Amino acid sequence: MKLIKDLGPTKTINSKGNVAYTHYGIYQCPNCPNTVKTRTINVRTGRSTQCRSCANIAKQTTHGKSKTQRYKNWTGMKQRCMNVKHKHYVDYGGRGIKVCDEWVSSFAKYEEYIMSLSNAGNPKLTVDRIDNDGNYEPGNLRWATDSMQGLNKRVTKRNTSGTTGVSFDNTKKRWLASIRIEGIRIHLGFHKDKVDAINARKLAEIKYRSTV
């Protein structure tokens, strides 16, 4: 939700006399003209995403689906991108990856979109972002195998080459290229030149992308 007015911290005293300060703000509901007064932390963590009226409609829409895998994936997607306390936030929200407003506030719209994609619902596939640095939004999702998603992984902090699947072997003093398909690591050879190792990896991606 979009912040309209920052109300600042509000002092509260509980039954035991303890004093606490809670930050509030007035936000615009993304689905209707209504505004919402709520805790800032609730918006940041994705607990408050719309006005009560729209929330009730969404609740009716998702009735009976809260235990489905698609609903759990939707919730997990929002938590990774919006909850700073989530264990994977650093790899998603911490990198600037967002969930489009339409999907944040409506599981029904998210489900409708992913089920309209090619191969939707195939039990061997899961929803994946096409651009690993892009947002969860229309045009950037697909149903993919684990291998396809593996090819799409970003470079880790330990990577020394700047390219996934290419690393320097200190023992052989060569650049090693490899690729993992269906859980099996395939070696693509050692290379004296890093560029040759990167090219070997890229060619393997083209080769195996059509088979996974």
Protein backbone atom coordinates (compact mmCIF):
# COMPACT_ATOMS: atom_id res chain seq x y z
CA MET A 1 0.00 0.00 0.00
CA LYS A 2 1.11 3.56 -0.70
CA LEU A 3 1.79 5.79 2.29
CA ILE A 4 -0.40 8.93 2.25
CA LYS A 5 0.45 10.38 5.66
CA ASP A 6 3.02 9.39 8.27
CA LEU A 7 1.36 9.67 11.68
CA GLY A 8 4.57 9.00 13.58
CA PRO A 9 4.88 7.00 16.82
CA THR A 10 1.88 6.66 19.15
CA LYS A 11 2.40 6.09 22.87
CA THR A 12 0.54 3.16 24.40
CA ILE A 13 0.42 1.79 27.95
CA ASN A 14 -0.56 -1.81 28.60
CA SER A 15 -2.35 -3.26 31.62
CA LYS A 16 0.97 -3.67 33.45
CA GLY A 17 1.86 -0.04 32.99
CA ASN A 18 4.56 -0.68 30.39
CA VAL A 19 5.05 2.10 27.85
CA ALA A 20 5.52 1.34 24.16
CA TYR A 21 5.59 3.35 20.96
CA THR A 22 3.97 2.11 17.77
CA HIS A 23 4.45 3.80 14.39
CA TYR A 24 1.26 4.41 12.42
CA GLY A 25 0.45 5.74 8.98
CA ILE A 26 -2.48 6.31 6.65
CA TYR A 27 -2.24 4.22 3.48
CA GLN A 28 -4.12 4.03 0.19
CA CYS A 29 -5.83 0.71 -0.49
CA PRO A 30 -4.52 -0.56 -3.87
CA ASN A 31 -7.93 -1.96 -4.84
CA CYS A 32 -10.40 0.82 -4.01
CA PRO A 33 -10.61 4.50 -2.93
CA ASN A 34 -10.58 3.59 0.78
CA THR A 35 -7.71 4.65 3.05
CA VAL A 36 -6.37 2.57 5.92
CA LYS A 37 -4.89 3.62 9.25
CA THR A 38 -2.55 0.87 10.35
CA ARG A 39 0.83 0.08 11.86
CA THR A 40 3.74 0.80 9.58
CA ILE A 41 5.37 -2.52 10.51
CA ASN A 42 2.26 -4.39 9.32
CA VAL A 43 2.57 -2.84 5.86
CA ARG A 44 6.30 -3.53 5.68
CA THR A 45 5.87 -7.20 6.54
CA GLY A 46 2.89 -7.71 4.25
CA ARG A 47 0.38 -8.32 7.06
CA SER A 48 -1.66 -5.30 5.96
CA THR A 49 -2.11 -5.09 2.20
CA GLN A 50 -5.57 -3.61 1.69
CA CYS A 51 -8.62 -2.17 3.43
CA ARG A 52 -10.90 -4.37 5.52
CA SER A 53 -13.61 -4.43 2.87
CA CYS A 54 -11.25 -5.69 0.18
CA ALA A 55 -9.69 -8.13 2.63
CA ASN A 56 -13.10 -9.66 3.32
CA ILE A 57 -13.70 -10.09 -0.40
CA ALA A 58 -10.26 -11.68 -0.84
CA LYS A 59 -10.94 -13.99 2.09
CA GLN A 60 -14.15 -15.20 0.48
CA THR A 61 -12.32 -15.67 -2.83
CA THR A 62 -9.60 -17.80 -1.26
CA HIS A 63 -11.99 -19.79 0.92
CA GLY A 64 -11.05 -23.45 0.85
CA LYS A 65 -7.64 -22.81 -0.73
CA SER A 66 -5.58 -21.69 2.24
CA LYS A 67 -4.07 -25.16 2.57
CA THR A 68 -3.21 -25.58 -1.11
CA GLN A 69 0.39 -25.43 -2.30
CA ARG A 70 -0.35 -22.47 -4.58
CA TYR A 71 -1.69 -20.47 -1.64
CA LYS A 72 1.36 -21.36 0.46
CA ASN A 73 3.65 -20.32 -2.41
CA TRP A 74 1.80 -17.00 -2.67
CA THR A 75 2.24 -16.35 1.04
CA GLY A 76 5.91 -17.36 0.92
CA MET A 77 6.51 -15.08 -2.07
CA LYS A 78 5.20 -12.08 -0.15
CA GLN A 79 7.12 -12.94 3.00
CA ARG A 80 10.45 -13.26 1.15
CA CYS A 81 9.96 -9.90 -0.51
CA MET A 82 8.30 -7.89 2.26
CA ASN A 83 9.16 -9.31 5.67
CA VAL A 84 12.61 -8.09 6.74
CA LYS A 85 12.69 -10.80 9.41
CA HIS A 86 12.21 -13.64 6.93
CA LYS A 87 15.31 -15.83 6.61
CA HIS A 88 15.41 -15.36 2.82
CA TYR A 89 14.56 -11.65 2.75
CA VAL A 90 18.18 -10.72 2.00
CA ASP A 91 17.99 -12.69 -1.28
CA TYR A 92 14.67 -11.19 -2.35
CA GLY A 93 13.33 -8.00 -0.75
CA GLY A 94 16.86 -7.13 0.30
CA ARG A 95 17.88 -7.15 -3.38
CA GLY A 96 14.97 -4.93 -4.35
CA ILE A 97 12.73 -7.70 -5.66
CA LYS A 98 9.04 -6.84 -5.22
CA VAL A 99 5.61 -8.39 -5.68
CA CYS A 100 3.30 -6.35 -7.92
CA ASP A 101 0.51 -4.57 -6.01
CA GLU A 102 -2.22 -6.60 -7.70
CA TRP A 103 -0.81 -9.89 -6.41
CA VAL A 104 0.10 -8.59 -2.96
CA SER A 105 -3.55 -7.89 -2.24
CA SER A 106 -5.19 -10.76 -4.12
CA PHE A 107 -4.36 -14.45 -4.16
CA ALA A 108 -7.16 -14.96 -6.69
CA LYS A 109 -5.51 -12.67 -9.24
CA TYR A 110 -2.11 -14.31 -8.67
CA GLU A 111 -3.59 -17.78 -9.10
CA GLU A 112 -5.57 -16.73 -12.16
CA TYR A 113 -2.39 -15.48 -13.82
CA ILE A 114 -0.11 -18.43 -13.08
CA MET A 115 -2.81 -20.90 -14.13
CA SER A 116 -3.07 -19.12 -17.49
CA LEU A 117 0.59 -19.84 -18.26
CA SER A 118 1.88 -22.69 -20.40
CA ASN A 119 2.12 -26.05 -18.57
CA ALA A 120 0.19 -24.66 -15.58
CA GLY A 121 -0.51 -27.15 -12.84
CA ASN A 122 1.98 -29.77 -14.05
CA PRO A 123 2.96 -31.61 -10.82
CA LYS A 124 6.57 -31.83 -12.03
CA LEU A 125 6.85 -28.05 -12.40
CA THR A 126 6.85 -25.08 -10.05
CA VAL A 127 6.50 -21.33 -10.61
CA ASP A 128 9.78 -19.55 -11.31
CA ARG A 129 10.85 -16.02 -12.24
CA ILE A 130 12.24 -15.78 -15.78
CA ASP A 131 14.53 -12.88 -14.89
CA ASN A 132 16.15 -13.82 -11.59
CA ASP A 133 16.72 -10.13 -10.85
CA GLY A 134 13.17 -9.14 -11.82
CA ASN A 135 10.01 -8.77 -9.77
CA TYR A 136 7.10 -11.12 -9.22
CA GLU A 137 4.86 -9.58 -11.86
CA PRO A 138 3.03 -10.46 -15.09
CA GLY A 139 5.45 -11.38 -17.85
CA ASN A 140 8.19 -12.60 -15.51
CA LEU A 141 6.80 -15.93 -14.31
CA ARG A 142 6.80 -19.40 -15.83
CA TRP A 143 6.26 -23.02 -14.82
CA ALA A 144 9.68 -24.69 -14.79
CA THR A 145 11.47 -27.86 -13.75
CA ASP A 146 14.06 -27.81 -10.96
CA SER A 147 16.77 -28.04 -13.61
CA MET A 148 15.46 -25.01 -15.47
CA GLN A 149 15.40 -23.08 -12.22
CA GLY A 150 18.92 -24.27 -11.47
CA LEU A 151 20.12 -22.76 -14.74
CA ASN A 152 18.52 -19.50 -13.67
CA LYS A 153 20.30 -19.15 -10.32
CA ARG A 154 22.20 -15.96 -9.64
CA VAL A 155 25.92 -15.88 -8.97
CA THR A 156 26.78 -16.63 -5.34
CA LYS A 157 29.04 -14.51 -3.18
CA ARG A 158 31.69 -17.27 -3.26
CA ASN A 159 31.83 -17.32 -7.03
CA THR A 160 35.21 -16.18 -8.37
CA SER A 161 34.39 -15.84 -12.05
CA GLY A 162 31.23 -13.77 -12.12
CA THR A 163 29.44 -16.57 -13.99
CA THR A 164 27.36 -19.34 -12.48
CA GLY A 165 28.98 -22.75 -12.98
CA VAL A 166 32.49 -21.41 -13.57
CA SER A 167 35.11 -21.41 -10.81
CA PHE A 168 38.88 -21.47 -10.44
CA ASP A 169 40.51 -24.72 -9.35
CA ASN A 170 43.56 -23.85 -7.24
CA THR A 171 44.99 -27.37 -7.55
CA LYS A 172 44.99 -27.53 -11.34
CA LYS A 173 45.33 -23.75 -11.79
CA ARG A 174 42.58 -23.90 -14.36
CA TRP A 175 39.04 -22.60 -14.72
CA LEU A 176 36.44 -25.34 -14.24
CA ALA A 177 33.11 -25.20 -16.04
CA SER A 178 30.17 -27.34 -14.91
CA ILE A 179 26.39 -27.51 -14.95
CA ARG A 180 23.85 -29.31 -12.75
CA ILE A 181 21.00 -31.14 -14.48
CA GLU A 182 18.34 -33.07 -12.54
CA GLY A 183 20.58 -33.01 -9.48
CA ILE A 184 23.59 -34.42 -11.35
CA ARG A 185 26.66 -32.24 -11.79
CA ILE A 186 28.13 -32.46 -15.30
CA HIS A 187 31.77 -31.38 -15.72
CA LEU A 188 32.44 -29.35 -18.84
CA GLY A 189 36.22 -29.41 -18.61
CA PHE A 190 39.14 -27.37 -17.29
CA HIS A 191 40.20 -24.27 -19.18
CA LYS A 192 43.32 -22.13 -19.00
CA ASP A 193 41.36 -19.07 -20.10
CA LYS A 194 38.34 -17.98 -18.07
CA VAL A 195 36.55 -16.84 -21.22
CA ASP A 196 36.74 -20.37 -22.65
CA ALA A 197 35.24 -21.78 -19.45
CA ILE A 198 32.40 -19.25 -19.54
CA ASN A 199 31.70 -20.07 -23.19
CA ALA A 200 31.59 -23.78 -22.35
CA ARG A 201 29.03 -23.08 -19.65
CA LYS A 202 26.90 -20.91 -21.94
CA LEU A 203 26.90 -23.57 -24.67
CA ALA A 204 25.85 -26.19 -22.12
CA GLU A 205 22.97 -23.98 -20.98
CA ILE A 206 21.74 -23.76 -24.57
CA LYS A 207 22.12 -27.52 -25.01
CA TYR A 208 20.41 -28.59 -21.82
CA ARG A 209 17.75 -25.88 -21.68
CA SER A 210 15.93 -27.63 -24.49
CA THR A 211 15.95 -30.94 -22.62
CA VAL A 212 14.80 -29.85 -19.14
